[in-house]
Amino acid sequence: MPRPATTAKRPRPRTHRTTKANGNVFADLGFSPLESASLQLRARLMAELIRIVRARKLTQAAAARLLGVSQPRISDLMRAKVEKFSSDALVEMLALAGIELEVTPHVARRVA
């Protein structure tokens, strides 16, 4: 049985919206300036810990022993669940990994 003729639909033109970023994805997502600063700090600390675990080719169990936490905690770390970690906990894990931190305060680009 022959198929009925179909008319090809023209694809709709897509509209793209671009939002200028300010350097802090959390601020861009609408978090308050204080909360976005805290989230950004924790995300950076977590990124360094993740880099260390990968560079040393540690299993989650080995990373847990090194960093003084449980394996499920390392799983949360590797999945970048920033909301589950305090800055203090992340700094302690970095210290246990033999990493020293340098803090360089600077004036924010924009103050709310």
C-alpha atoms as a PDB file:
ATOM      1  CA  MET A   1       0.000   0.000   0.000  1.00  0.00           C
ATOM      2  CA  PRO A   2       1.497   3.361  -0.955  1.00  0.00           C
ATOM      3  CA  ARG A   3       2.271   5.833   1.802  1.00  0.00           C
ATOM      4  CA  PRO A   4       0.492   9.160   1.728  1.00  0.00           C
ATOM      5  CA  ALA A   5       2.634  12.096   0.706  1.00  0.00           C
ATOM      6  CA  THR A   6       3.821  14.165   3.624  1.00  0.00           C
ATOM      7  CA  THR A   7       4.927  17.701   3.670  1.00  0.00           C
ATOM      8  CA  ALA A   8       8.257  18.292   5.337  1.00  0.00           C
ATOM      9  CA  LYS A   9       7.950  20.680   8.225  1.00  0.00           C
ATOM     10  CA  ARG A  10      10.392  23.521   8.347  1.00  0.00           C
ATOM     11  CA  PRO A  11      12.304  23.657  11.589  1.00  0.00           C
ATOM     12  CA  ARG A  12      11.461  26.633  13.732  1.00  0.00           C
ATOM     13  CA  PRO A  13      14.233  29.114  14.178  1.00  0.00           C
ATOM     14  CA  ARG A  14      15.634  28.754  17.667  1.00  0.00           C
ATOM     15  CA  THR A  15      16.022  31.739  19.865  1.00  0.00           C
ATOM     16  CA  HIS A  16      18.999  31.748  22.155  1.00  0.00           C
ATOM     17  CA  ARG A  17      19.268  33.842  25.253  1.00  0.00           C
ATOM     18  CA  THR A  18      22.675  34.735  26.522  1.00  0.00           C
ATOM     19  CA  THR A  19      23.199  35.988  30.033  1.00  0.00           C
ATOM     20  CA  LYS A  20      26.430  37.733  30.869  1.00  0.00           C
ATOM     21  CA  ALA A  21      28.189  35.876  33.672  1.00  0.00           C
ATOM     22  CA  ASN A  22      29.774  37.716  36.556  1.00  0.00           C
ATOM     23  CA  GLY A  23      32.355  35.063  37.458  1.00  0.00           C
ATOM     24  CA  ASN A  24      30.288  33.295  40.121  1.00  0.00           C
ATOM     25  CA  VAL A  25      27.821  30.758  38.754  1.00  0.00           C
ATOM     26  CA  PHE A  26      25.957  30.698  42.079  1.00  0.00           C
ATOM     27  CA  ALA A  27      25.320  34.446  41.940  1.00  0.00           C
ATOM     28  CA  ASP A  28      24.198  34.000  38.335  1.00  0.00           C
ATOM     29  CA  LEU A  29      21.701  31.387  39.562  1.00  0.00           C
ATOM     30  CA  GLY A  30      20.182  33.898  41.966  1.00  0.00           C
ATOM     31  CA  PHE A  31      21.780  33.000  45.289  1.00  0.00           C
ATOM     32  CA  SER A  32      22.381  35.877  47.690  1.00  0.00           C
ATOM     33  CA  PRO A  33      25.872  37.418  47.591  1.00  0.00           C
ATOM     34  CA  LEU A  34      26.815  35.799  50.923  1.00  0.00           C
ATOM     35  CA  GLU A  35      25.492  32.376  49.988  1.00  0.00           C
ATOM     36  CA  SER A  36      27.012  32.480  46.503  1.00  0.00           C
ATOM     37  CA  ALA A  37      30.437  33.404  47.936  1.00  0.00           C
ATOM     38  CA  SER A  38      30.248  30.454  50.348  1.00  0.00           C
ATOM     39  CA  LEU A  39      29.125  28.048  47.621  1.00  0.00           C
ATOM     40  CA  GLN A  40      31.859  29.231  45.268  1.00  0.00           C
ATOM     41  CA  LEU A  41      34.537  28.777  47.938  1.00  0.00           C
ATOM     42  CA  ARG A  42      33.331  25.269  48.761  1.00  0.00           C
ATOM     43  CA  ALA A  43      33.117  24.358  45.065  1.00  0.00           C
ATOM     44  CA  ARG A  44      36.726  25.453  44.519  1.00  0.00           C
ATOM     45  CA  LEU A  45      37.944  23.490  47.539  1.00  0.00           C
ATOM     46  CA  MET A  46      36.009  20.435  46.352  1.00  0.00           C
ATOM     47  CA  ALA A  47      37.444  20.739  42.849  1.00  0.00           C
ATOM     48  CA  GLU A  48      40.961  20.622  44.305  1.00  0.00           C
ATOM     49  CA  LEU A  49      40.137  17.548  46.397  1.00  0.00           C
ATOM     50  CA  ILE A  50      38.618  15.811  43.372  1.00  0.00           C
ATOM     51  CA  ARG A  51      41.737  16.664  41.351  1.00  0.00           C
ATOM     52  CA  ILE A  52      43.945  15.167  44.091  1.00  0.00           C
ATOM     53  CA  VAL A  53      41.921  11.933  44.309  1.00  0.00           C
ATOM     54  CA  ARG A  54      42.062  11.507  40.530  1.00  0.00           C
ATOM     55  CA  ALA A  55      45.740  12.477  40.189  1.00  0.00           C
ATOM     56  CA  ARG A  56      46.732   9.983  42.878  1.00  0.00           C
ATOM     57  CA  LYS A  57      44.430   7.380  41.323  1.00  0.00           C
ATOM     58  CA  LEU A  58      42.857   6.641  44.698  1.00  0.00           C
ATOM     59  CA  THR A  59      39.888   4.379  45.126  1.00  0.00           C
ATOM     60  CA  GLN A  60      37.066   5.879  47.143  1.00  0.00           C
ATOM     61  CA  ALA A  61      38.033   3.632  50.065  1.00  0.00           C
ATOM     62  CA  ALA A  62      41.682   4.756  49.916  1.00  0.00           C
ATOM     63  CA  ALA A  63      40.640   8.400  49.597  1.00  0.00           C
ATOM     64  CA  ALA A  64      38.361   7.996  52.621  1.00  0.00           C
ATOM     65  CA  ARG A  65      41.243   6.635  54.711  1.00  0.00           C
ATOM     66  CA  LEU A  66      43.572   9.436  53.577  1.00  0.00           C
ATOM     67  CA  LEU A  67      41.029  12.201  54.176  1.00  0.00           C
ATOM     68  CA  GLY A  68      39.614  10.846  57.429  1.00  0.00           C
ATOM     69  CA  VAL A  69      36.041  10.386  56.240  1.00  0.00           C
ATOM     70  CA  SER A  70      33.743   7.543  55.176  1.00  0.00           C
ATOM     71  CA  GLN A  71      33.560   6.127  51.657  1.00  0.00           C
ATOM     72  CA  PRO A  72      30.009   7.487  51.157  1.00  0.00           C
ATOM     73  CA  ARG A  73      31.406  10.931  52.033  1.00  0.00           C
ATOM     74  CA  ILE A  74      33.993  10.534  49.245  1.00  0.00           C
ATOM     75  CA  SER A  75      31.186   9.525  46.895  1.00  0.00           C
ATOM     76  CA  ASP A  76      29.429  12.813  47.729  1.00  0.00           C
ATOM     77  CA  LEU A  77      32.703  14.659  47.170  1.00  0.00           C
ATOM     78  CA  MET A  78      33.329  13.040  43.776  1.00  0.00           C
ATOM     79  CA  ARG A  79      29.782  13.936  42.721  1.00  0.00           C
ATOM     80  CA  ALA A  80      30.437  17.557  43.762  1.00  0.00           C
ATOM     81  CA  LYS A  81      27.542  17.676  46.212  1.00  0.00           C
ATOM     82  CA  VAL A  82      28.669  21.043  47.534  1.00  0.00           C
ATOM     83  CA  GLU A  83      25.676  21.420  49.847  1.00  0.00           C
ATOM     84  CA  LYS A  84      26.853  18.437  51.921  1.00  0.00           C
ATOM     85  CA  PHE A  85      30.208  19.952  52.933  1.00  0.00           C
ATOM     86  CA  SER A  86      31.247  22.856  55.123  1.00  0.00           C
ATOM     87  CA  SER A  87      34.281  24.955  54.271  1.00  0.00           C
ATOM     88  CA  ASP A  88      35.908  23.730  57.490  1.00  0.00           C
ATOM     89  CA  ALA A  89      35.459  20.065  56.562  1.00  0.00           C
ATOM     90  CA  LEU A  90      36.954  20.646  53.110  1.00  0.00           C
ATOM     91  CA  VAL A  91      39.934  22.571  54.527  1.00  0.00           C
ATOM     92  CA  GLU A  92      40.569  19.718  56.994  1.00  0.00           C
ATOM     93  CA  MET A  93      40.509  17.155  54.171  1.00  0.00           C
ATOM     94  CA  LEU A  94      42.947  19.250  52.133  1.00  0.00           C
ATOM     95  CA  ALA A  95      45.285  19.472  55.140  1.00  0.00           C
ATOM     96  CA  LEU A  96      45.132  15.686  55.572  1.00  0.00           C
ATOM     97  CA  ALA A  97      46.056  15.369  51.885  1.00  0.00           C
ATOM     98  CA  GLY A  98      49.137  17.511  52.548  1.00  0.00           C
ATOM     99  CA  ILE A  99      47.837  20.632  50.827  1.00  0.00           C
ATOM    100  CA  GLU A 100      48.465  24.111  52.242  1.00  0.00           C
ATOM    101  CA  LEU A 101      46.039  26.879  51.417  1.00  0.00           C
ATOM    102  CA  GLU A 102      46.874  30.497  50.708  1.00  0.00           C
ATOM    103  CA  VAL A 103      44.099  33.023  51.089  1.00  0.00           C
ATOM    104  CA  THR A 104      44.215  36.221  49.072  1.00  0.00           C
ATOM    105  CA  PRO A 105      41.328  38.536  49.867  1.00  0.00           C
ATOM    106  CA  HIS A 106      40.353  41.134  47.274  1.00  0.00           C
ATOM    107  CA  VAL A 107      37.603  43.651  46.722  1.00  0.00           C
ATOM    108  CA  ALA A 108      34.574  42.105  45.048  1.00  0.00           C
ATOM    109  CA  ARG A 109      33.885  43.105  41.452  1.00  0.00           C
ATOM    110  CA  ARG A 110      30.424  44.193  42.372  1.00  0.00           C
ATOM    111  CA  VAL A 111      28.791  44.545  45.722  1.00  0.00           C
ATOM    112  CA  ALA A 112      25.044  44.031  46.056  1.00  0.00           C
END
